[in-house]
Amino acid sequence: MRTRIPLAIGVAVLAAGAATSAATAAWNAPATVSSVSPDPGTPTFNAEAPVSAVGGDGVVTAAWVQEVGFGNGKQIRAARFRNGAWSPSVALSGAGIEAGDPAVAADAQGDVIVVWRRGVAAGAGQDQLVQAARFSGGAWSVPSTLWSQVGRSANTPGVAFDGNGNALAVWGSCATGDFFCATPAAASARFSGGTWAAAVAAPPAITGVAKGSVTAGAPGQVGMWWYDASGPASVASWSSISGWAAPWQFTANANQPALALNASGAGVLAWHEANVVKASILSGGTWGTVQTISPGDVSASDMAATIDAAGTATVAWQRYPAVPGGPATVQAIQRTGGTWGAVQTVSSDEPNATNPKPAITSGPTGRVTVTWNGLNGSQPVLRARSAVNGVWDSAGPADISTPAATTTFITATSLASDPLGRVMAVWQSTDANTNVVKAARMQGVPDAPSGAAGTSGDTRVTVAWTAPADDGGAAISTYRVTAQPGGTTCTVSGA
């Protein structure tokens, strides 16, 4: 792309401004991220339980569980969304042995860690080892085994980067074959300096580590919640300097807590208890007074929480009506300036919608996005609605997925916002009796153009640059070129 801009004679120091786009809160068409046959000659079947994370480089990584032919077990596979397109998926764990329950984290430099549980041999189940693979320098590492203990089985691993390039993986364990987990325990392993340290005990008396309970916070900090063996639920943070902090027991009757932290060390913890939703705010290293943030006339479940860089906390949940048989809806509430606002119903009235399972994310531009499983007529769809600075989109919910007679279920949605505020949704869709992983991104700002250079002329400079590899999902409408020094600008068409 070239344009000319008038300048004082001899001045030819230029900077290309970020490209702009006419895109609004529309979503691009879904892409199928998993494949029926990712490996030549190796047929694969159902793809399930996707998770996702976005790094500081804006690249999204999705990981999931994939069946690998009859008798070949299940493996963990991953794909990456970069420059506006998904890469082919790659296998992180080997075929022939059951693997499952992946968790993924990405750091500011774009490094990625995926953690999962795996059996020790064919037919041994997917719960006796904890393994991890790292993406760095353009390639995936071979798996590292973080934990293996005879007679015990791992459950629900989680992983988070601490903001200093280190990571912490946490998982629970029970005696093998003990469905009720009479002897719960938990362990963690730290990734630092390019290697994994030996696993050590996590905070004591943990009956399990639920997926999503391990969350990145301020630089050097990771937070997690768990259920104590005695019944109450607790939360604690881990520091790369001081290790585990003393846990805080927040209630004896919590259900499905949701924890979120931001890079400044603030956090929100929300859960449902009896017929209400409760929450506490982390500030200055201390958890605040527990507050009831919903009316007491509904049954809430499937909590989701987020807190942005400005400290705005948003909690969403699915609401079951007081009158049995009515549709389930998705509600949300935001806390700004130290005060919780009014509860908002963000979903539409969808008869027969019984299990919305909301997911939530917030980005750097003040936008919060909630997704849920809805119905378009009788067809399952994934729906979304966003709030910008506390104001929910007046147009109402938008369908992310396309209604189709072959789609029977939509489950397991994961959301992530990149540094430019662009939102990616990744979910499991059951199409024609096969589970596949799909993804769609909300249209947003493009990447900045690169390689701007100027050639001086008679009171003018001709500027050339390379268009962004990622246009944000919509055609670029204009470019703005600014001269430095002086600040003279020129706007040209993106066509």
Protein backbone atom coordinates (compact mmCIF):
# COMPACT_ATOMS: atom_id res chain seq x y z
CA MET A 1 0.00 0.00 0.00
CA ARG A 2 1.31 3.49 -0.91
CA THR A 3 0.13 7.03 -0.22
CA ARG A 4 1.57 10.55 -0.35
CA ILE A 5 1.58 13.06 2.48
CA PRO A 6 2.70 16.75 2.36
CA LEU A 7 5.67 17.52 4.61
CA ALA A 8 8.26 20.22 5.12
CA ILE A 9 11.16 19.79 2.72
CA GLY A 10 13.71 17.31 4.03
CA VAL A 11 11.44 15.76 6.69
CA ALA A 12 10.77 12.11 5.97
CA VAL A 13 10.37 10.44 9.37
CA LEU A 14 7.04 8.60 9.29
CA ALA A 15 4.88 6.23 11.32
CA ALA A 16 1.96 4.21 10.06
CA GLY A 17 -1.10 4.33 12.28
CA ALA A 18 -3.08 1.25 13.22
CA ALA A 19 -5.52 0.08 10.61
CA THR A 20 -9.19 0.59 11.29
CA SER A 21 -12.19 -1.52 10.45
CA ALA A 22 -15.93 -1.06 10.13
CA ALA A 23 -16.46 -4.26 12.14
CA THR A 24 -18.87 -4.12 15.07
CA ALA A 25 -19.88 -6.92 17.42
CA ALA A 26 -20.62 -9.29 14.54
CA TRP A 27 -19.11 -12.79 14.59
CA ASN A 28 -17.30 -14.49 11.73
CA ALA A 29 -18.58 -17.80 10.42
CA PRO A 30 -17.57 -20.81 12.55
CA ALA A 31 -14.59 -22.93 11.55
CA THR A 32 -14.16 -26.61 12.38
CA VAL A 33 -10.90 -26.78 14.32
CA SER A 34 -10.75 -30.54 14.84
CA SER A 35 -10.55 -32.93 11.90
CA VAL A 36 -12.02 -36.31 11.14
CA SER A 37 -8.59 -37.41 9.93
CA PRO A 38 -5.75 -35.18 11.13
CA ASP A 39 -3.12 -37.88 10.51
CA PRO A 40 -2.82 -39.62 7.12
CA GLY A 41 -3.92 -43.22 7.47
CA THR A 42 -5.12 -42.77 11.06
CA PRO A 43 -8.89 -42.38 11.26
CA THR A 44 -10.11 -40.30 14.18
CA PHE A 45 -13.56 -39.88 15.60
CA ASN A 46 -15.06 -37.72 18.33
CA ALA A 47 -13.34 -34.52 19.50
CA GLU A 48 -14.40 -33.41 22.97
CA ALA A 49 -13.82 -31.08 25.94
CA PRO A 50 -12.04 -28.14 24.25
CA VAL A 51 -10.16 -25.51 26.26
CA SER A 52 -8.44 -22.37 24.99
CA ALA A 53 -6.08 -19.56 25.97
CA VAL A 54 -4.63 -16.48 24.27
CA GLY A 55 -1.10 -15.17 24.68
CA GLY A 56 0.30 -11.67 24.66
CA ASP A 57 1.07 -12.15 20.97
CA GLY A 58 -2.66 -12.51 20.25
CA VAL A 59 -2.36 -16.15 19.17
CA VAL A 60 -5.16 -18.43 20.44
CA THR A 61 -4.37 -22.04 21.34
CA ALA A 62 -7.15 -24.62 21.61
CA ALA A 63 -6.65 -28.13 23.01
CA TRP A 64 -9.10 -31.02 23.21
CA VAL A 65 -9.52 -34.77 23.62
CA GLN A 66 -9.66 -36.75 20.36
CA GLU A 67 -10.61 -40.37 19.82
CA VAL A 68 -8.04 -42.09 17.63
CA GLY A 69 -9.66 -45.04 15.93
CA PHE A 70 -10.95 -48.21 17.53
CA GLY A 71 -8.55 -49.59 20.12
CA ASN A 72 -6.19 -46.63 19.80
CA GLY A 73 -7.38 -44.75 22.88
CA LYS A 74 -7.74 -40.99 23.17
CA GLN A 75 -5.09 -38.34 22.70
CA ILE A 76 -4.71 -34.64 23.40
CA ARG A 77 -4.53 -32.52 20.26
CA ALA A 78 -4.01 -28.78 19.80
CA ALA A 79 -4.37 -26.13 17.09
CA ARG A 80 -3.38 -22.46 16.99
CA PHE A 81 -5.18 -19.43 15.52
CA ARG A 82 -2.64 -17.02 14.05
CA ASN A 83 -2.88 -14.32 11.36
CA GLY A 84 -6.59 -14.92 10.97
CA ALA A 85 -6.55 -18.69 10.41
CA TRP A 86 -6.37 -21.98 12.35
CA SER A 87 -3.37 -24.25 11.90
CA PRO A 88 -3.79 -28.00 11.35
CA SER A 89 -4.09 -29.83 14.67
CA VAL A 90 -1.12 -31.67 16.17
CA ALA A 91 -0.98 -34.53 18.66
CA LEU A 92 0.49 -33.66 22.05
CA SER A 93 0.05 -37.11 23.59
CA GLY A 94 0.60 -40.44 21.85
CA ALA A 95 -2.11 -42.73 20.49
CA GLY A 96 -2.91 -46.08 22.04
CA ILE A 97 -3.34 -44.86 25.63
CA GLU A 98 -6.25 -42.96 27.16
CA ALA A 99 -5.61 -39.24 27.77
CA GLY A 100 -8.08 -36.62 28.87
CA ASP A 101 -9.05 -33.50 30.81
CA PRO A 102 -6.72 -30.93 29.17
CA ALA A 103 -6.02 -27.48 30.62
CA VAL A 104 -4.16 -24.70 28.78
CA ALA A 105 -2.42 -21.44 29.65
CA ALA A 106 -0.51 -18.83 27.60
CA ASP A 107 1.83 -16.08 28.75
CA ALA A 108 2.66 -12.55 27.64
CA GLN A 109 5.43 -13.78 25.33
CA GLY A 110 3.13 -16.26 23.57
CA ASP A 111 4.51 -19.42 25.18
CA VAL A 112 1.83 -22.05 25.87
CA ILE A 113 1.53 -24.97 28.29
CA VAL A 114 -1.06 -27.73 28.01
CA VAL A 115 -1.50 -30.14 30.96
CA TRP A 116 -3.55 -33.35 30.95
CA ARG A 117 -3.99 -36.71 32.69
CA ARG A 118 -3.10 -39.99 31.03
CA GLY A 119 -3.05 -43.72 31.66
CA VAL A 120 0.19 -45.62 32.10
CA ALA A 121 -0.68 -48.34 29.59
CA ALA A 122 -3.30 -49.29 27.04
CA GLY A 123 -6.62 -49.99 28.75
CA ALA A 124 -5.49 -48.40 32.03
CA GLY A 125 -7.79 -45.36 31.83
CA GLN A 126 -6.87 -41.69 31.55
CA ASP A 127 -6.08 -40.83 35.15
CA GLN A 128 -2.79 -42.22 36.44
CA LEU A 129 -0.24 -39.74 35.10
CA VAL A 130 -0.11 -35.96 34.80
CA GLN A 131 1.73 -34.74 31.72
CA ALA A 132 2.46 -31.39 30.07
CA ALA A 133 3.71 -30.06 26.74
CA ARG A 134 5.01 -26.57 26.01
CA PHE A 135 4.83 -24.50 22.83
CA SER A 136 7.82 -22.14 22.54
CA GLY A 137 10.02 -20.97 19.71
CA GLY A 138 7.56 -22.21 17.10
CA ALA A 139 7.32 -25.85 18.16
CA TRP A 140 5.75 -28.16 20.72
CA SER A 141 7.95 -30.02 23.19
CA VAL A 142 7.70 -33.73 23.87
CA PRO A 143 5.45 -34.42 26.89
CA SER A 144 6.93 -34.14 30.39
CA THR A 145 5.54 -36.39 33.12
CA LEU A 146 4.84 -34.20 36.16
CA TRP A 147 3.41 -36.86 38.46
CA SER A 148 2.93 -40.60 38.72
CA GLN A 149 2.01 -42.44 41.91
CA VAL A 150 1.25 -46.12 42.21
CA GLY A 151 -2.23 -46.74 43.60
CA ARG A 152 -3.51 -43.21 43.00
CA SER A 153 -5.28 -41.53 40.09
CA ALA A 154 -5.06 -37.86 39.12
CA ASN A 155 -8.09 -35.70 38.45
CA THR A 156 -8.92 -32.31 36.91
CA PRO A 157 -5.51 -30.68 36.34
CA GLY A 158 -5.21 -26.94 35.91
CA VAL A 159 -2.37 -24.64 34.83
CA ALA A 160 -1.59 -20.92 34.86
CA PHE A 161 1.38 -18.68 34.07
CA ASP A 162 2.33 -16.36 36.91
CA GLY A 163 3.23 -13.30 34.82
CA ASN A 164 6.97 -13.77 35.19
CA GLY A 165 7.35 -16.50 32.57
CA ASN A 166 6.88 -19.24 35.14
CA ALA A 167 3.86 -21.52 35.43
CA LEU A 168 2.14 -23.65 38.06
CA ALA A 169 0.21 -26.85 37.37
CA VAL A 170 -2.14 -28.20 40.07
CA TRP A 171 -4.17 -31.43 40.22
CA GLY A 172 -6.05 -33.56 42.68
CA SER A 173 -5.77 -37.28 43.26
CA CYS A 174 -7.68 -40.16 44.84
CA ALA A 175 -6.94 -43.80 45.52
CA THR A 176 -7.35 -45.69 42.25
CA GLY A 177 -10.87 -47.07 42.00
CA ASP A 178 -12.21 -44.98 44.91
CA PHE A 179 -15.25 -43.29 43.39
CA PHE A 180 -16.00 -41.27 46.54
CA CYS A 181 -12.36 -40.21 47.06
CA ALA A 182 -12.06 -41.07 50.75
CA THR A 183 -8.36 -40.09 50.77
CA PRO A 184 -8.11 -36.88 48.72
CA ALA A 185 -4.84 -35.10 48.06
CA ALA A 186 -3.48 -32.50 45.69
CA ALA A 187 -0.10 -31.71 44.22
CA SER A 188 1.50 -28.96 42.17
CA ALA A 189 4.54 -28.60 39.96
CA ARG A 190 6.32 -25.38 39.06
CA PHE A 191 7.69 -24.58 35.60
CA SER A 192 10.66 -22.19 35.81
CA GLY A 193 13.78 -21.62 33.76
CA GLY A 194 12.57 -23.95 31.03
CA THR A 195 12.12 -27.02 33.23
CA TRP A 196 9.54 -28.60 35.52
CA ALA A 197 10.42 -29.02 39.19
CA ALA A 198 9.40 -32.15 41.09
CA ALA A 199 5.77 -32.23 42.21
CA VAL A 200 5.05 -31.15 45.78
CA ALA A 201 1.94 -31.12 47.97
CA ALA A 202 -0.48 -28.27 47.27
CA PRO A 203 -2.40 -26.63 50.16
CA PRO A 204 -3.58 -29.38 52.53
CA ALA A 205 -6.98 -31.06 52.76
CA ILE A 206 -8.07 -30.72 49.13
CA THR A 207 -10.77 -33.09 47.96
CA GLY A 208 -10.38 -32.11 44.32
CA VAL A 209 -9.23 -29.40 41.97
CA ALA A 210 -12.02 -28.36 39.64
CA LYS A 211 -11.27 -27.34 36.09
CA GLY A 212 -10.81 -23.60 35.90
CA SER A 213 -9.82 -23.27 39.54
CA VAL A 214 -6.21 -22.36 38.76
CA THR A 215 -6.02 -18.77 37.53
CA ALA A 216 -3.23 -16.29 36.75
CA GLY A 217 -3.12 -13.06 38.71
CA ALA A 218 -0.57 -10.35 39.38
CA PRO A 219 3.00 -10.98 38.21
CA GLY A 220 4.37 -13.85 40.23
CA GLN A 221 0.93 -14.94 41.47
CA VAL A 222 -1.49 -17.79 40.78
CA GLY A 223 -4.79 -18.40 42.59
CA MET A 224 -6.92 -21.51 43.12
CA TRP A 225 -9.98 -22.64 45.03
CA TRP A 226 -10.91 -26.08 46.33
CA TYR A 227 -13.29 -27.97 48.61
CA ASP A 228 -11.86 -28.94 51.99
CA ALA A 229 -12.32 -32.51 53.17
CA SER A 230 -14.38 -31.16 56.08
CA GLY A 231 -16.88 -29.48 53.75
CA PRO A 232 -16.06 -25.74 53.52
CA ALA A 233 -14.63 -24.24 50.36
CA SER A 234 -11.33 -22.38 50.43
CA VAL A 235 -9.20 -20.17 48.22
CA ALA A 236 -5.49 -19.38 48.31
CA SER A 237 -2.81 -17.80 46.16
CA TRP A 238 0.63 -19.02 45.23
CA SER A 239 3.60 -16.70 44.78
CA SER A 240 6.80 -17.46 42.94
CA ILE A 241 8.57 -15.76 45.88
CA SER A 242 6.80 -17.04 48.99
CA GLY A 243 4.90 -20.14 47.80
CA TRP A 244 1.38 -20.87 49.05
CA ALA A 245 -0.38 -18.27 51.17
CA ALA A 246 -2.58 -19.24 54.09
CA PRO A 247 -5.97 -20.35 52.70
CA TRP A 248 -9.19 -18.44 53.33
CA GLN A 249 -12.35 -20.46 53.97
CA PHE A 250 -15.15 -18.48 52.39
CA THR A 251 -18.20 -20.66 53.14
CA ALA A 252 -19.33 -24.07 54.27
CA ASN A 253 -21.97 -24.44 51.55
CA ALA A 254 -20.43 -23.21 48.31
CA ASN A 255 -21.41 -24.68 44.99
CA GLN A 256 -19.41 -24.32 41.78
CA PRO A 257 -17.15 -21.40 42.77
CA ALA A 258 -15.72 -19.26 39.95
CA LEU A 259 -12.43 -17.42 40.48
CA ALA A 260 -10.88 -14.64 38.38
CA LEU A 261 -7.78 -12.48 38.95
CA ASN A 262 -6.29 -9.57 37.04
CA ALA A 263 -2.69 -8.49 36.50
CA SER A 264 -2.93 -5.89 39.29
CA GLY A 265 -3.68 -8.50 41.95
CA ALA A 266 -7.41 -7.78 42.27
CA GLY A 267 -9.82 -10.71 42.09
CA VAL A 268 -13.40 -11.88 42.34
CA LEU A 269 -14.72 -15.15 43.72
CA ALA A 270 -18.39 -16.04 43.17
CA TRP A 271 -20.49 -19.09 44.04
CA HIS A 272 -24.10 -20.06 44.59
CA GLU A 273 -25.38 -21.00 47.99
CA ALA A 274 -28.97 -22.13 48.56
CA ASN A 275 -31.00 -19.86 46.24
CA VAL A 276 -28.61 -16.92 45.97
CA VAL A 277 -25.32 -15.95 44.35
CA LYS A 278 -22.58 -14.67 46.64
CA ALA A 279 -19.24 -13.02 45.95
CA SER A 280 -16.11 -11.63 47.57
CA ILE A 281 -13.53 -9.21 46.15
CA LEU A 282 -9.76 -9.59 46.55
CA SER A 283 -8.02 -6.25 47.10
CA GLY A 284 -4.62 -5.52 48.58
CA GLY A 285 -4.05 -9.23 49.20
CA THR A 286 -7.16 -9.61 51.41
CA TRP A 287 -10.55 -11.08 50.59
CA GLY A 288 -13.40 -8.74 51.47
CA THR A 289 -16.80 -9.19 53.05
CA VAL A 290 -19.02 -11.80 51.42
CA GLN A 291 -21.95 -10.14 49.66
CA THR A 292 -25.18 -11.56 48.28
CA ILE A 293 -25.41 -10.33 44.69
CA SER A 294 -28.63 -11.95 43.41
CA PRO A 295 -32.26 -12.15 44.54
CA GLY A 296 -33.22 -15.16 46.62
CA ASP A 297 -36.08 -16.40 44.45
CA VAL A 298 -34.16 -18.47 41.92
CA SER A 299 -31.90 -21.48 41.70
CA ALA A 300 -28.54 -20.56 40.16
CA SER A 301 -25.77 -22.79 38.82
CA ASP A 302 -22.76 -22.91 36.47
CA MET A 303 -21.01 -19.79 37.73
CA ALA A 304 -18.63 -17.82 35.50
CA ALA A 305 -16.56 -14.80 36.56
CA THR A 306 -14.10 -12.31 35.06
CA ILE A 307 -12.30 -9.14 36.19
CA ASP A 308 -10.64 -6.72 33.78
CA ALA A 309 -7.57 -4.52 34.12
CA ALA A 310 -9.68 -1.63 35.47
CA GLY A 311 -11.05 -3.86 38.26
CA THR A 312 -14.55 -4.22 36.82
CA ALA A 313 -15.82 -7.63 37.94
CA THR A 314 -18.61 -9.47 36.11
CA VAL A 315 -20.34 -12.64 37.28
CA ALA A 316 -22.73 -14.70 35.16
CA TRP A 317 -24.81 -17.79 35.92
CA GLN A 318 -27.70 -19.80 34.59
CA ARG A 319 -30.98 -19.14 36.38
CA TYR A 320 -33.67 -21.71 36.91
CA PRO A 321 -37.11 -20.14 37.39
CA ALA A 322 -39.11 -20.38 40.59
CA VAL A 323 -41.94 -22.01 38.61
CA PRO A 324 -40.83 -25.49 37.48
CA GLY A 325 -40.93 -26.13 33.75
CA GLY A 326 -39.99 -22.64 32.61
CA PRO A 327 -36.91 -21.91 30.50
CA ALA A 328 -33.50 -21.39 32.03
CA THR A 329 -31.97 -17.98 31.41
CA VAL A 330 -28.52 -16.42 31.76
CA GLN A 331 -28.09 -13.56 34.21
CA ALA A 332 -25.11 -11.31 34.91
CA ILE A 333 -24.07 -8.57 37.31
CA GLN A 334 -21.16 -6.12 37.20
CA ARG A 335 -19.21 -4.37 39.96
CA THR A 336 -17.71 -0.98 39.10
CA GLY A 337 -16.39 1.68 41.44
CA GLY A 338 -16.76 -0.62 44.44
CA THR A 339 -20.50 -1.23 43.98
CA TRP A 340 -22.45 -4.13 42.50
CA GLY A 341 -25.03 -3.02 39.96
CA ALA A 342 -28.41 -4.54 39.12
CA VAL A 343 -28.79 -8.14 37.94
CA GLN A 344 -29.40 -8.24 34.19
CA THR A 345 -30.96 -11.05 32.16
CA VAL A 346 -28.66 -11.21 29.14
CA SER A 347 -30.24 -14.15 27.32
CA SER A 348 -33.58 -14.14 25.52
CA ASP A 349 -36.63 -16.17 26.53
CA GLU A 350 -35.86 -19.54 24.97
CA PRO A 351 -38.49 -22.23 25.66
CA ASN A 352 -37.00 -25.66 26.39
CA ALA A 353 -33.52 -24.19 26.98
CA THR A 354 -32.56 -26.13 30.10
CA ASN A 355 -28.78 -25.97 30.37
CA PRO A 356 -27.25 -22.71 29.03
CA LYS A 357 -23.85 -23.17 30.77
CA PRO A 358 -22.53 -19.61 30.40
CA ALA A 359 -18.89 -18.73 29.72
CA ILE A 360 -17.42 -15.25 30.16
CA THR A 361 -14.38 -13.16 29.21
CA SER A 362 -13.29 -9.52 29.46
CA GLY A 363 -10.77 -7.65 27.37
CA PRO A 364 -8.70 -4.46 27.51
CA THR A 365 -11.31 -2.25 25.84
CA GLY A 366 -14.01 -2.42 28.53
CA ARG A 367 -15.95 -5.13 26.70
CA VAL A 368 -17.34 -8.15 28.55
CA THR A 369 -18.74 -11.05 26.52
CA VAL A 370 -20.97 -13.87 27.75
CA THR A 371 -21.83 -16.95 25.68
CA TRP A 372 -24.33 -19.72 26.36
CA ASN A 373 -26.06 -22.68 24.76
CA GLY A 374 -29.36 -21.50 23.32
CA LEU A 375 -32.06 -22.45 20.86
CA ASN A 376 -32.92 -20.98 17.48
CA GLY A 377 -36.38 -22.44 17.09
CA SER A 378 -35.67 -26.07 17.95
CA GLN A 379 -32.04 -26.04 16.80
CA PRO A 380 -29.16 -25.76 19.32
CA VAL A 381 -26.96 -22.70 18.78
CA LEU A 382 -24.17 -20.94 20.64
CA ARG A 383 -25.24 -17.41 21.55
CA ALA A 384 -23.38 -14.34 22.78
CA ARG A 385 -24.02 -10.90 24.17
CA SER A 386 -21.55 -8.17 25.12
CA ALA A 387 -21.49 -5.22 27.48
CA VAL A 388 -19.21 -2.22 26.92
CA ASN A 389 -18.54 -0.15 30.04
CA GLY A 390 -21.52 -1.77 31.73
CA VAL A 391 -24.07 -1.27 28.94
CA TRP A 392 -25.35 -4.49 27.35
CA ASP A 393 -25.84 -4.60 23.60
CA SER A 394 -29.39 -3.36 23.01
CA ALA A 395 -29.72 -5.54 19.90
CA GLY A 396 -29.84 -8.58 22.18
CA PRO A 397 -28.13 -11.94 21.76
CA ALA A 398 -26.30 -12.89 18.58
CA ASP A 399 -26.00 -16.41 17.19
CA ILE A 400 -22.36 -17.46 16.91
CA SER A 401 -23.07 -20.86 15.40
CA THR A 402 -25.37 -21.56 12.48
CA PRO A 403 -28.63 -23.44 13.16
CA ALA A 404 -28.56 -26.84 11.45
CA ALA A 405 -30.79 -29.89 11.55
CA THR A 406 -27.70 -32.07 11.98
CA THR A 407 -26.60 -30.28 15.17
CA THR A 408 -28.02 -31.99 18.25
CA PHE A 409 -25.90 -30.61 21.11
CA ILE A 410 -23.54 -27.73 21.86
CA THR A 411 -21.40 -28.03 24.99
CA ALA A 412 -18.10 -27.14 26.64
CA THR A 413 -17.53 -23.56 25.48
CA SER A 414 -14.23 -21.79 26.19
CA LEU A 415 -13.76 -18.03 25.70
CA ALA A 416 -10.62 -15.90 25.41
CA SER A 417 -9.95 -12.19 24.70
CA ASP A 418 -6.72 -11.15 22.98
CA PRO A 419 -4.70 -7.96 23.73
CA LEU A 420 -6.73 -6.03 21.13
CA GLY A 421 -10.04 -7.08 22.73
CA ARG A 422 -10.99 -9.60 20.02
CA VAL A 423 -12.98 -12.51 21.45
CA MET A 424 -12.58 -16.14 20.38
CA ALA A 425 -15.19 -18.78 21.26
CA VAL A 426 -14.26 -22.48 21.05
CA TRP A 427 -16.87 -25.16 21.66
CA GLN A 428 -17.87 -28.77 21.21
CA SER A 429 -20.65 -29.41 18.71
CA THR A 430 -22.38 -32.71 18.07
CA ASP A 431 -23.01 -32.77 14.32
CA ALA A 432 -24.49 -35.83 12.60
CA ASN A 433 -23.69 -37.92 15.71
CA THR A 434 -20.00 -36.91 15.70
CA ASN A 435 -18.44 -34.52 18.22
CA VAL A 436 -16.27 -31.85 16.61
CA VAL A 437 -14.47 -28.77 17.94
CA LYS A 438 -15.56 -25.49 16.37
CA ALA A 439 -14.46 -21.90 16.83
CA ALA A 440 -15.57 -18.41 15.82
CA ARG A 441 -14.14 -14.95 16.51
CA MET A 442 -15.92 -11.69 17.10
CA GLN A 443 -14.93 -9.15 14.47
CA GLY A 444 -12.56 -6.56 15.88
CA VAL A 445 -9.70 -4.20 15.15
CA PRO A 446 -6.99 -5.42 12.76
CA ASP A 447 -3.37 -5.85 13.68
CA ALA A 448 -1.20 -2.81 12.99
CA PRO A 449 0.37 -2.51 9.54
CA SER A 450 4.09 -3.14 9.38
CA GLY A 451 7.17 -2.07 7.48
CA ALA A 452 6.19 1.57 7.02
CA ALA A 453 8.86 3.43 5.01
CA GLY A 454 8.90 6.76 3.21
CA THR A 455 10.53 8.12 0.06
CA SER A 456 10.95 11.90 0.04
CA GLY A 457 9.93 14.09 -2.88
CA ASP A 458 9.18 17.75 -3.60
CA THR A 459 7.40 18.77 -0.34
CA ARG A 460 5.92 15.29 -0.24
CA VAL A 461 6.77 11.84 1.01
CA THR A 462 5.47 8.62 -0.50
CA VAL A 463 4.80 6.04 2.19
CA ALA A 464 4.59 2.28 1.64
CA TRP A 465 3.62 -0.40 4.19
CA THR A 466 2.55 -4.00 4.46
CA ALA A 467 -1.09 -4.71 5.25
CA PRO A 468 -1.82 -6.58 8.51
CA ALA A 469 -1.75 -10.36 8.23
CA ASP A 470 -4.85 -10.40 10.48
CA ASP A 471 -7.57 -7.96 9.45
CA GLY A 472 -9.66 -8.64 12.56
CA GLY A 473 -12.23 -10.63 10.61
CA ALA A 474 -13.54 -7.83 8.40
CA ALA A 475 -12.27 -5.82 5.45
CA ILE A 476 -10.00 -2.92 6.46
CA SER A 477 -11.78 0.34 5.64
CA THR A 478 -9.04 2.97 6.09
CA TYR A 479 -5.39 3.55 6.96
CA ARG A 480 -4.14 6.62 8.77
CA VAL A 481 -0.54 7.76 8.23
CA THR A 482 1.02 10.27 10.61
CA ALA A 483 4.22 12.23 9.97
CA GLN A 484 6.76 12.52 12.77
CA PRO A 485 7.63 15.18 13.75
CA GLY A 486 4.88 17.60 12.91
CA GLY A 487 1.86 15.30 13.22
CA THR A 488 0.52 15.87 9.70
CA THR A 489 -1.90 13.04 8.89
CA CYS A 490 -3.34 11.44 5.79
CA THR A 491 -6.22 8.96 5.67
CA VAL A 492 -6.57 6.62 2.69
CA SER A 493 -8.92 3.85 1.70
CA GLY A 494 -8.07 0.33 2.76
CA ALA A 495 -9.16 -1.05 -0.62
